Amino acid sequence: MKAEFKKIHELGVAVSKFKDLMAEGFCSMLKAWIPELHFSLARHRSGSGWFETLLNSHVNVSSNGEIFSVKERRSNISSIIRTLDRVYSLDWISSASKNECSAAVGFKWMLNQGLMQHPEELSKYFDEKGVSLIFLFRRNLLHRMVSLLANSYDSQAKLLNGKHKSHVHTLEEAEKLSAYKPFINQTTLISQLQQMESVSAKALESFNNTRHLVLYYEDLVRNYTKLVDVQDFLGLPRMKLTSRHVKIHKGSLRNHITNWEEVNRTLQGTAYESFLCDDY
């Protein structure tokens, strides 16, 4: 029995060393070409924070966060281009930087952070630089609305020991945040959902000619092979991607909305009825 355990242990060590050598070999090859330039286009509370931690768990990816959250960097098209040039010339230093071994370099860009104000200029820039886009949306916009309202509430209430957290790493923290159940205005609900759809559709239309991949949060949660598609899209060696993020709002939305019955009646028989049944 001990001999069998020893063999299993040796096999595990050999596999680990092989993976390390593969990564090192890939890093050596990277010195001969320019990294894949990319960024993720998303909307707040669509899983973009979780998705970026998954990307950055890959040894050959440097995704530098929400760099256009700083208003000065998006004040006009010139400041936007200057910021993009810094990122794609590998002159942007962040905790995610892996400049010695980066096959894909990028960041996270929210649709309300200057992107949609300059679609023509940015499309031209992307084409000239060979930048690829990853669109990350959420199919269930009612889930997104709950997440937005809850996150907005916590920014004031600071439920976790007086600190606001948009993302958590423990089940205990997730349970504390999910205990708050937002009230949804059923009078404006359908028009708000329509507006959310319109913004996403406009983004796709504006950058449809740029090389891109469209992802949905729900698909990533339910189907790990979607992460394989992402790695193939970015020209990366396939690896298991991991994240410490813990999902906050689990299960049926019935458990996360104060006025569930009113919301349920409002959406029954509409194009958004399926949002009521989604459970993940």
C-alpha atoms as a PDB file:
ATOM      1  CA  MET A   1       0.000   0.000   0.000  1.00  0.00           C
ATOM      2  CA  LYS A   2       2.828   2.417   0.890  1.00  0.00           C
ATOM      3  CA  ALA A   3       4.483   1.673  -2.440  1.00  0.00           C
ATOM      4  CA  GLU A   4       1.262   2.543  -4.272  1.00  0.00           C
ATOM      5  CA  PHE A   5       0.941   5.836  -2.387  1.00  0.00           C
ATOM      6  CA  LYS A   6       4.571   6.605  -3.212  1.00  0.00           C
ATOM      7  CA  LYS A   7       3.923   6.029  -6.915  1.00  0.00           C
ATOM      8  CA  ILE A   8       0.846   8.258  -6.808  1.00  0.00           C
ATOM      9  CA  HIS A   9       2.834  10.973  -5.047  1.00  0.00           C
ATOM     10  CA  GLU A  10       5.673  10.726  -7.569  1.00  0.00           C
ATOM     11  CA  LEU A  11       3.200  10.921 -10.426  1.00  0.00           C
ATOM     12  CA  GLY A  12       1.641  14.045  -8.933  1.00  0.00           C
ATOM     13  CA  VAL A  13       5.051  15.682  -8.556  1.00  0.00           C
ATOM     14  CA  ALA A  14       5.951  14.753 -12.134  1.00  0.00           C
ATOM     15  CA  VAL A  15       2.706  16.249 -13.473  1.00  0.00           C
ATOM     16  CA  SER A  16       3.291  19.427 -11.464  1.00  0.00           C
ATOM     17  CA  LYS A  17       6.852  19.762 -12.784  1.00  0.00           C
ATOM     18  CA  PHE A  18       5.655  19.124 -16.324  1.00  0.00           C
ATOM     19  CA  LYS A  19       3.107  21.941 -16.021  1.00  0.00           C
ATOM     20  CA  ASP A  20       5.813  24.260 -14.672  1.00  0.00           C
ATOM     21  CA  LEU A  21       8.101  23.414 -17.572  1.00  0.00           C
ATOM     22  CA  MET A  22       5.288  23.978 -20.051  1.00  0.00           C
ATOM     23  CA  ALA A  23       4.623  27.394 -18.556  1.00  0.00           C
ATOM     24  CA  GLU A  24       8.327  28.265 -18.585  1.00  0.00           C
ATOM     25  CA  GLY A  25       8.631  27.143 -22.192  1.00  0.00           C
ATOM     26  CA  PHE A  26       5.645  29.209 -23.160  1.00  0.00           C
ATOM     27  CA  CYS A  27       7.140  32.240 -21.383  1.00  0.00           C
ATOM     28  CA  SER A  28      10.352  31.805 -23.346  1.00  0.00           C
ATOM     29  CA  MET A  29       8.429  31.741 -26.613  1.00  0.00           C
ATOM     30  CA  LEU A  30       6.509  34.883 -25.633  1.00  0.00           C
ATOM     31  CA  LYS A  31       9.667  36.950 -25.838  1.00  0.00           C
ATOM     32  CA  ALA A  32       9.524  36.539 -29.593  1.00  0.00           C
ATOM     33  CA  TRP A  33       6.090  38.106 -30.145  1.00  0.00           C
ATOM     34  CA  ILE A  34       3.798  40.928 -29.036  1.00  0.00           C
ATOM     35  CA  PRO A  35       1.205  39.902 -26.418  1.00  0.00           C
ATOM     36  CA  GLU A  36      -2.469  39.647 -27.394  1.00  0.00           C
ATOM     37  CA  LEU A  37      -4.058  43.010 -26.577  1.00  0.00           C
ATOM     38  CA  HIS A  38      -7.541  42.790 -25.124  1.00  0.00           C
ATOM     39  CA  PHE A  39      -9.992  44.228 -22.680  1.00  0.00           C
ATOM     40  CA  SER A  40     -13.288  43.149 -21.162  1.00  0.00           C
ATOM     41  CA  LEU A  41     -16.354  45.291 -21.828  1.00  0.00           C
ATOM     42  CA  ALA A  42     -18.934  44.973 -19.099  1.00  0.00           C
ATOM     43  CA  ARG A  43     -21.592  46.637 -16.982  1.00  0.00           C
ATOM     44  CA  HIS A  44     -21.463  46.929 -13.226  1.00  0.00           C
ATOM     45  CA  ARG A  45     -22.694  43.850 -11.318  1.00  0.00           C
ATOM     46  CA  SER A  46     -22.369  41.549 -14.318  1.00  0.00           C
ATOM     47  CA  GLY A  47     -19.669  39.305 -12.863  1.00  0.00           C
ATOM     48  CA  SER A  48     -16.769  41.296 -14.302  1.00  0.00           C
ATOM     49  CA  GLY A  49     -14.802  41.364 -11.038  1.00  0.00           C
ATOM     50  CA  TRP A  50     -15.053  37.591 -10.700  1.00  0.00           C
ATOM     51  CA  PHE A  51     -14.231  37.105 -14.373  1.00  0.00           C
ATOM     52  CA  GLU A  52     -11.118  39.261 -14.135  1.00  0.00           C
ATOM     53  CA  THR A  53      -9.797  37.296 -11.150  1.00  0.00           C
ATOM     54  CA  LEU A  54     -10.274  34.141 -13.217  1.00  0.00           C
ATOM     55  CA  LEU A  55      -8.287  35.674 -16.077  1.00  0.00           C
ATOM     56  CA  ASN A  56      -5.516  36.828 -13.766  1.00  0.00           C
ATOM     57  CA  SER A  57      -5.177  33.350 -12.279  1.00  0.00           C
ATOM     58  CA  HIS A  58      -3.636  32.401 -15.629  1.00  0.00           C
ATOM     59  CA  VAL A  59       0.136  32.752 -15.491  1.00  0.00           C
ATOM     60  CA  ASN A  60       0.235  34.464 -18.882  1.00  0.00           C
ATOM     61  CA  VAL A  61      -2.489  37.092 -18.412  1.00  0.00           C
ATOM     62  CA  SER A  62      -2.182  40.647 -17.094  1.00  0.00           C
ATOM     63  CA  SER A  63      -5.617  42.226 -16.722  1.00  0.00           C
ATOM     64  CA  ASN A  64      -5.127  45.538 -14.976  1.00  0.00           C
ATOM     65  CA  GLY A  65      -8.509  46.258 -13.442  1.00  0.00           C
ATOM     66  CA  GLU A  66     -11.006  49.054 -13.958  1.00  0.00           C
ATOM     67  CA  ILE A  67      -8.499  51.684 -15.044  1.00  0.00           C
ATOM     68  CA  PHE A  68     -11.102  54.106 -16.441  1.00  0.00           C
ATOM     69  CA  SER A  69     -12.852  54.411 -13.095  1.00  0.00           C
ATOM     70  CA  VAL A  70     -10.545  57.442 -12.687  1.00  0.00           C
ATOM     71  CA  LYS A  71     -12.384  60.301 -14.427  1.00  0.00           C
ATOM     72  CA  GLU A  72      -9.258  62.124 -15.578  1.00  0.00           C
ATOM     73  CA  ARG A  73      -8.287  59.149 -17.727  1.00  0.00           C
ATOM     74  CA  ARG A  74     -11.564  59.331 -19.662  1.00  0.00           C
ATOM     75  CA  SER A  75     -12.175  63.106 -19.698  1.00  0.00           C
ATOM     76  CA  ASN A  76     -11.707  63.251 -23.482  1.00  0.00           C
ATOM     77  CA  ILE A  77     -10.584  61.038 -26.343  1.00  0.00           C
ATOM     78  CA  SER A  78      -6.961  62.219 -26.054  1.00  0.00           C
ATOM     79  CA  SER A  79      -6.680  61.178 -22.409  1.00  0.00           C
ATOM     80  CA  ILE A  80      -8.327  57.843 -23.241  1.00  0.00           C
ATOM     81  CA  ILE A  81      -5.852  57.135 -26.042  1.00  0.00           C
ATOM     82  CA  ARG A  82      -2.924  58.135 -23.816  1.00  0.00           C
ATOM     83  CA  THR A  83      -4.090  55.690 -21.160  1.00  0.00           C
ATOM     84  CA  LEU A  84      -4.608  52.895 -23.698  1.00  0.00           C
ATOM     85  CA  ASP A  85      -1.121  53.462 -25.119  1.00  0.00           C
ATOM     86  CA  ARG A  86       0.387  53.070 -21.645  1.00  0.00           C
ATOM     87  CA  VAL A  87      -1.415  49.784 -21.056  1.00  0.00           C
ATOM     88  CA  TYR A  88      -0.623  48.273 -24.429  1.00  0.00           C
ATOM     89  CA  SER A  89       3.025  49.372 -24.401  1.00  0.00           C
ATOM     90  CA  LEU A  90       3.345  47.364 -21.144  1.00  0.00           C
ATOM     91  CA  ASP A  91       4.040  50.592 -19.274  1.00  0.00           C
ATOM     92  CA  TRP A  92       1.135  50.084 -16.870  1.00  0.00           C
ATOM     93  CA  ILE A  93       2.156  48.636 -13.513  1.00  0.00           C
ATOM     94  CA  SER A  94      -0.465  47.001 -11.311  1.00  0.00           C
ATOM     95  CA  SER A  95      -0.737  44.021  -8.996  1.00  0.00           C
ATOM     96  CA  ALA A  96      -1.855  41.985 -12.016  1.00  0.00           C
ATOM     97  CA  SER A  97       1.176  42.804 -14.170  1.00  0.00           C
ATOM     98  CA  LYS A  98       3.172  39.852 -15.452  1.00  0.00           C
ATOM     99  CA  ASN A  99       5.267  41.777 -17.921  1.00  0.00           C
ATOM    100  CA  GLU A 100       7.954  39.101 -18.189  1.00  0.00           C
ATOM    101  CA  CYS A 101       5.460  36.444 -19.203  1.00  0.00           C
ATOM    102  CA  SER A 102       2.320  38.051 -20.630  1.00  0.00           C
ATOM    103  CA  ALA A 103       0.576  36.493 -23.594  1.00  0.00           C
ATOM    104  CA  ALA A 104      -2.515  38.665 -23.089  1.00  0.00           C
ATOM    105  CA  VAL A 105      -2.534  42.197 -21.701  1.00  0.00           C
ATOM    106  CA  GLY A 106      -5.676  44.159 -20.973  1.00  0.00           C
ATOM    107  CA  PHE A 107      -8.089  45.601 -18.431  1.00  0.00           C
ATOM    108  CA  LYS A 108     -11.759  45.951 -17.543  1.00  0.00           C
ATOM    109  CA  TRP A 109     -13.786  48.767 -19.116  1.00  0.00           C
ATOM    110  CA  MET A 110     -17.339  49.574 -18.006  1.00  0.00           C
ATOM    111  CA  LEU A 111     -19.707  50.830 -20.702  1.00  0.00           C
ATOM    112  CA  ASN A 112     -20.445  54.013 -18.721  1.00  0.00           C
ATOM    113  CA  GLN A 113     -16.777  55.026 -18.454  1.00  0.00           C
ATOM    114  CA  GLY A 114     -16.285  57.027 -21.647  1.00  0.00           C
ATOM    115  CA  LEU A 115     -16.300  54.112 -24.072  1.00  0.00           C
ATOM    116  CA  MET A 116     -19.677  54.793 -25.690  1.00  0.00           C
ATOM    117  CA  GLN A 117     -18.958  58.506 -26.146  1.00  0.00           C
ATOM    118  CA  HIS A 118     -16.199  57.825 -28.722  1.00  0.00           C
ATOM    119  CA  PRO A 119     -17.122  54.656 -30.664  1.00  0.00           C
ATOM    120  CA  GLU A 120     -15.688  55.688 -34.040  1.00  0.00           C
ATOM    121  CA  GLU A 121     -12.319  56.865 -32.738  1.00  0.00           C
ATOM    122  CA  LEU A 122     -11.934  53.851 -30.477  1.00  0.00           C
ATOM    123  CA  SER A 123     -12.960  51.353 -33.167  1.00  0.00           C
ATOM    124  CA  LYS A 124     -10.231  52.785 -35.379  1.00  0.00           C
ATOM    125  CA  TYR A 125      -7.698  52.552 -32.545  1.00  0.00           C
ATOM    126  CA  PHE A 126      -8.646  48.934 -31.782  1.00  0.00           C
ATOM    127  CA  ASP A 127      -8.279  47.939 -35.413  1.00  0.00           C
ATOM    128  CA  GLU A 128      -4.908  49.660 -35.762  1.00  0.00           C
ATOM    129  CA  LYS A 129      -3.543  48.080 -32.572  1.00  0.00           C
ATOM    130  CA  GLY A 130      -5.135  44.691 -33.125  1.00  0.00           C
ATOM    131  CA  VAL A 131      -7.077  44.859 -29.867  1.00  0.00           C
ATOM    132  CA  SER A 132      -9.630  42.124 -29.154  1.00  0.00           C
ATOM    133  CA  LEU A 133     -12.763  42.700 -27.071  1.00  0.00           C
ATOM    134  CA  ILE A 134     -14.534  40.423 -24.615  1.00  0.00           C
ATOM    135  CA  PHE A 135     -18.120  41.473 -23.982  1.00  0.00           C
ATOM    136  CA  LEU A 136     -19.445  40.235 -20.645  1.00  0.00           C
ATOM    137  CA  PHE A 137     -23.166  40.610 -20.084  1.00  0.00           C
ATOM    138  CA  ARG A 138     -25.787  39.145 -17.819  1.00  0.00           C
ATOM    139  CA  ARG A 139     -28.777  37.339 -19.330  1.00  0.00           C
ATOM    140  CA  ASN A 140     -30.962  37.778 -16.265  1.00  0.00           C
ATOM    141  CA  LEU A 141     -31.222  41.536 -15.897  1.00  0.00           C
ATOM    142  CA  LEU A 142     -33.471  41.211 -12.848  1.00  0.00           C
ATOM    143  CA  HIS A 143     -30.627  39.433 -11.045  1.00  0.00           C
ATOM    144  CA  ARG A 144     -28.357  42.301 -12.077  1.00  0.00           C
ATOM    145  CA  MET A 145     -30.841  44.837 -10.744  1.00  0.00           C
ATOM    146  CA  VAL A 146     -30.960  43.097  -7.363  1.00  0.00           C
ATOM    147  CA  SER A 147     -27.157  43.086  -7.240  1.00  0.00           C
ATOM    148  CA  LEU A 148     -26.984  46.783  -8.160  1.00  0.00           C
ATOM    149  CA  LEU A 149     -29.500  47.819  -5.503  1.00  0.00           C
ATOM    150  CA  ALA A 150     -27.904  45.676  -2.814  1.00  0.00           C
ATOM    151  CA  ASN A 151     -24.420  46.948  -3.640  1.00  0.00           C
ATOM    152  CA  SER A 152     -25.663  50.551  -3.578  1.00  0.00           C
ATOM    153  CA  TYR A 153     -27.258  49.967  -0.170  1.00  0.00           C
ATOM    154  CA  ASP A 154     -24.070  48.477   1.265  1.00  0.00           C
ATOM    155  CA  SER A 155     -22.003  51.410   0.001  1.00  0.00           C
ATOM    156  CA  GLN A 156     -23.887  53.449   2.615  1.00  0.00           C
ATOM    157  CA  ALA A 157     -24.720  50.847   5.274  1.00  0.00           C
ATOM    158  CA  LYS A 158     -21.298  49.131   5.240  1.00  0.00           C
ATOM    159  CA  LEU A 159     -22.641  45.870   6.642  1.00  0.00           C
ATOM    160  CA  LEU A 160     -19.290  44.105   6.953  1.00  0.00           C
ATOM    161  CA  ASN A 161     -17.665  45.572  10.051  1.00  0.00           C
ATOM    162  CA  GLY A 162     -18.179  49.104   8.827  1.00  0.00           C
ATOM    163  CA  LYS A 163     -16.585  48.462   5.429  1.00  0.00           C
ATOM    164  CA  HIS A 164     -18.178  48.404   1.997  1.00  0.00           C
ATOM    165  CA  LYS A 165     -17.307  45.383  -0.137  1.00  0.00           C
ATOM    166  CA  SER A 166     -18.476  44.826  -3.698  1.00  0.00           C
ATOM    167  CA  HIS A 167     -16.944  41.330  -3.716  1.00  0.00           C
ATOM    168  CA  VAL A 168     -16.459  38.835  -0.904  1.00  0.00           C
ATOM    169  CA  HIS A 169     -14.272  35.801  -0.263  1.00  0.00           C
ATOM    170  CA  THR A 170     -16.179  33.923   2.446  1.00  0.00           C
ATOM    171  CA  LEU A 171     -19.633  32.370   2.779  1.00  0.00           C
ATOM    172  CA  GLU A 172     -20.171  34.286   6.012  1.00  0.00           C
ATOM    173  CA  GLU A 173     -19.631  37.622   4.277  1.00  0.00           C
ATOM    174  CA  ALA A 174     -21.893  36.588   1.393  1.00  0.00           C
ATOM    175  CA  GLU A 175     -24.694  35.621   3.793  1.00  0.00           C
ATOM    176  CA  LYS A 176     -24.479  38.949   5.613  1.00  0.00           C
ATOM    177  CA  LEU A 177     -24.726  40.938   2.391  1.00  0.00           C
ATOM    178  CA  SER A 178     -27.508  38.805   0.911  1.00  0.00           C
ATOM    179  CA  ALA A 179     -29.624  39.292   4.053  1.00  0.00           C
ATOM    180  CA  TYR A 180     -30.585  42.720   2.693  1.00  0.00           C
ATOM    181  CA  LYS A 181     -33.539  42.393   0.294  1.00  0.00           C
ATOM    182  CA  PRO A 182     -34.029  45.434  -1.956  1.00  0.00           C
ATOM    183  CA  PHE A 183     -37.412  46.865  -2.908  1.00  0.00           C
ATOM    184  CA  ILE A 184     -37.922  47.087  -6.687  1.00  0.00           C
ATOM    185  CA  ASN A 185     -40.170  49.744  -8.184  1.00  0.00           C
ATOM    186  CA  GLN A 186     -42.567  47.670 -10.259  1.00  0.00           C
ATOM    187  CA  THR A 187     -43.942  50.792 -12.002  1.00  0.00           C
ATOM    188  CA  THR A 188     -40.642  51.500 -13.767  1.00  0.00           C
ATOM    189  CA  LEU A 189     -39.310  47.920 -13.802  1.00  0.00           C
ATOM    190  CA  ILE A 190     -40.028  47.022 -17.428  1.00  0.00           C
ATOM    191  CA  SER A 191     -38.712  50.333 -18.782  1.00  0.00           C
ATOM    192  CA  GLN A 192     -35.523  49.857 -16.738  1.00  0.00           C
ATOM    193  CA  LEU A 193     -35.022  46.359 -18.130  1.00  0.00           C
ATOM    194  CA  GLN A 194     -35.576  47.672 -21.642  1.00  0.00           C
ATOM    195  CA  GLN A 195     -32.975  50.383 -21.044  1.00  0.00           C
ATOM    196  CA  MET A 196     -30.447  47.788 -19.843  1.00  0.00           C
ATOM    197  CA  GLU A 197     -31.017  45.742 -23.003  1.00  0.00           C
ATOM    198  CA  SER A 198     -30.670  48.818 -25.189  1.00  0.00           C
ATOM    199  CA  VAL A 199     -27.285  49.811 -23.727  1.00  0.00           C
ATOM    200  CA  SER A 200     -25.822  46.336 -24.283  1.00  0.00           C
ATOM    201  CA  ALA A 201     -27.206  46.125 -27.823  1.00  0.00           C
ATOM    202  CA  LYS A 202     -25.744  49.546 -28.642  1.00  0.00           C
ATOM    203  CA  ALA A 203     -22.300  48.470 -27.423  1.00  0.00           C
ATOM    204  CA  LEU A 204     -22.369  45.351 -29.610  1.00  0.00           C
ATOM    205  CA  GLU A 205     -23.494  47.372 -32.602  1.00  0.00           C
ATOM    206  CA  SER A 206     -20.808  50.027 -32.090  1.00  0.00           C
ATOM    207  CA  PHE A 207     -17.910  47.553 -31.955  1.00  0.00           C
ATOM    208  CA  ASN A 208     -19.269  44.704 -34.039  1.00  0.00           C
ATOM    209  CA  ASN A 209     -16.485  44.995 -36.610  1.00  0.00           C
ATOM    210  CA  THR A 210     -13.748  44.631 -34.004  1.00  0.00           C
ATOM    211  CA  ARG A 211     -12.606  41.094 -33.203  1.00  0.00           C
ATOM    212  CA  HIS A 212     -14.668  40.109 -30.184  1.00  0.00           C
ATOM    213  CA  LEU A 213     -16.117  37.369 -28.034  1.00  0.00           C
ATOM    214  CA  VAL A 214     -19.518  37.619 -26.329  1.00  0.00           C
ATOM    215  CA  LEU A 215     -19.886  35.981 -22.919  1.00  0.00           C
ATOM    216  CA  TYR A 216     -22.731  35.745 -20.441  1.00  0.00           C
ATOM    217  CA  TYR A 217     -22.224  35.483 -16.713  1.00  0.00           C
ATOM    218  CA  GLU A 218     -24.746  32.655 -16.375  1.00  0.00           C
ATOM    219  CA  ASP A 219     -22.923  30.568 -18.991  1.00  0.00           C
ATOM    220  CA  LEU A 220     -19.613  31.002 -17.174  1.00  0.00           C
ATOM    221  CA  VAL A 221     -21.209  29.875 -13.901  1.00  0.00           C
ATOM    222  CA  ARG A 222     -22.842  26.799 -15.382  1.00  0.00           C
ATOM    223  CA  ASN A 223     -20.332  25.695 -17.991  1.00  0.00           C
ATOM    224  CA  TYR A 224     -16.593  25.673 -17.287  1.00  0.00           C
ATOM    225  CA  THR A 225     -15.793  25.028 -20.963  1.00  0.00           C
ATOM    226  CA  LYS A 226     -16.639  28.686 -21.610  1.00  0.00           C
ATOM    227  CA  LEU A 227     -13.375  29.546 -19.857  1.00  0.00           C
ATOM    228  CA  VAL A 228     -11.603  27.248 -22.306  1.00  0.00           C
ATOM    229  CA  ASP A 229     -13.175  29.262 -25.135  1.00  0.00           C
ATOM    230  CA  VAL A 230     -11.807  32.445 -23.557  1.00  0.00           C
ATOM    231  CA  GLN A 231      -8.292  31.033 -23.360  1.00  0.00           C
ATOM    232  CA  ASP A 232      -8.461  29.869 -26.981  1.00  0.00           C
ATOM    233  CA  PHE A 233      -9.749  33.299 -28.043  1.00  0.00           C
ATOM    234  CA  LEU A 234      -6.757  34.954 -26.362  1.00  0.00           C
ATOM    235  CA  GLY A 235      -4.281  32.421 -27.746  1.00  0.00           C
ATOM    236  CA  LEU A 236      -3.333  31.092 -24.314  1.00  0.00           C
ATOM    237  CA  PRO A 237      -2.191  27.643 -23.234  1.00  0.00           C
ATOM    238  CA  ARG A 238      -5.149  26.024 -21.514  1.00  0.00           C
ATOM    239  CA  MET A 239      -5.041  26.023 -17.724  1.00  0.00           C
ATOM    240  CA  LYS A 240      -7.541  25.680 -14.909  1.00  0.00           C
ATOM    241  CA  LEU A 241      -8.642  29.167 -13.888  1.00  0.00           C
ATOM    242  CA  THR A 242      -9.597  29.888 -10.288  1.00  0.00           C
ATOM    243  CA  SER A 243     -11.044  32.690  -8.173  1.00  0.00           C
ATOM    244  CA  ARG A 244     -11.546  33.313  -4.468  1.00  0.00           C
ATOM    245  CA  HIS A 245     -14.756  35.261  -5.104  1.00  0.00           C
ATOM    246  CA  VAL A 246     -17.885  33.892  -3.422  1.00  0.00           C
ATOM    247  CA  LYS A 247     -21.297  34.455  -5.016  1.00  0.00           C
ATOM    248  CA  ILE A 248     -23.522  36.704  -2.886  1.00  0.00           C
ATOM    249  CA  HIS A 249     -27.058  36.179  -4.195  1.00  0.00           C
ATOM    250  CA  LYS A 250     -27.662  32.452  -4.631  1.00  0.00           C
ATOM    251  CA  GLY A 251     -30.815  30.605  -5.581  1.00  0.00           C
ATOM    252  CA  SER A 252     -34.242  31.964  -6.444  1.00  0.00           C
ATOM    253  CA  LEU A 253     -34.821  35.700  -6.672  1.00  0.00           C
ATOM    254  CA  ARG A 254     -37.923  35.123  -4.540  1.00  0.00           C
ATOM    255  CA  ASN A 255     -35.518  35.032  -1.600  1.00  0.00           C
ATOM    256  CA  HIS A 256     -33.788  38.302  -2.477  1.00  0.00           C
ATOM    257  CA  ILE A 257     -36.571  40.803  -3.286  1.00  0.00           C
ATOM    258  CA  THR A 258     -38.738  42.406  -0.602  1.00  0.00           C
ATOM    259  CA  ASN A 259     -41.790  42.948  -2.837  1.00  0.00           C
ATOM    260  CA  TRP A 260     -41.469  39.691  -4.753  1.00  0.00           C
ATOM    261  CA  GLU A 261     -45.201  39.230  -5.363  1.00  0.00           C
ATOM    262  CA  GLU A 262     -45.553  42.650  -7.025  1.00  0.00           C
ATOM    263  CA  VAL A 263     -42.462  42.044  -9.198  1.00  0.00           C
ATOM    264  CA  ASN A 264     -43.744  38.593 -10.110  1.00  0.00           C
ATOM    265  CA  ARG A 265     -47.128  39.968 -11.243  1.00  0.00           C
ATOM    266  CA  THR A 266     -45.459  42.758 -13.216  1.00  0.00           C
ATOM    267  CA  LEU A 267     -43.275  40.441 -15.281  1.00  0.00           C
ATOM    268  CA  GLN A 268     -45.738  37.597 -15.816  1.00  0.00           C
ATOM    269  CA  GLY A 269     -46.720  37.387 -19.487  1.00  0.00           C
ATOM    270  CA  THR A 270     -43.942  39.746 -20.629  1.00  0.00           C
ATOM    271  CA  ALA A 271     -40.683  39.166 -22.519  1.00  0.00           C
ATOM    272  CA  TYR A 272     -38.949  39.145 -19.119  1.00  0.00           C
ATOM    273  CA  GLU A 273     -41.037  36.434 -17.476  1.00  0.00           C
ATOM    274  CA  SER A 274     -38.158  33.945 -17.698  1.00  0.00           C
ATOM    275  CA  PHE A 275     -36.133  36.115 -15.297  1.00  0.00           C
ATOM    276  CA  LEU A 276     -38.491  35.042 -12.508  1.00  0.00           C
ATOM    277  CA  CYS A 277     -37.594  31.355 -12.823  1.00  0.00           C
ATOM    278  CA  ASP A 278     -33.853  31.572 -13.266  1.00  0.00           C
ATOM    279  CA  ASP A 279     -32.093  29.871 -10.357  1.00  0.00           C
ATOM    280  CA  TYR A 280     -28.303  29.618 -10.123  1.00  0.00           C
END
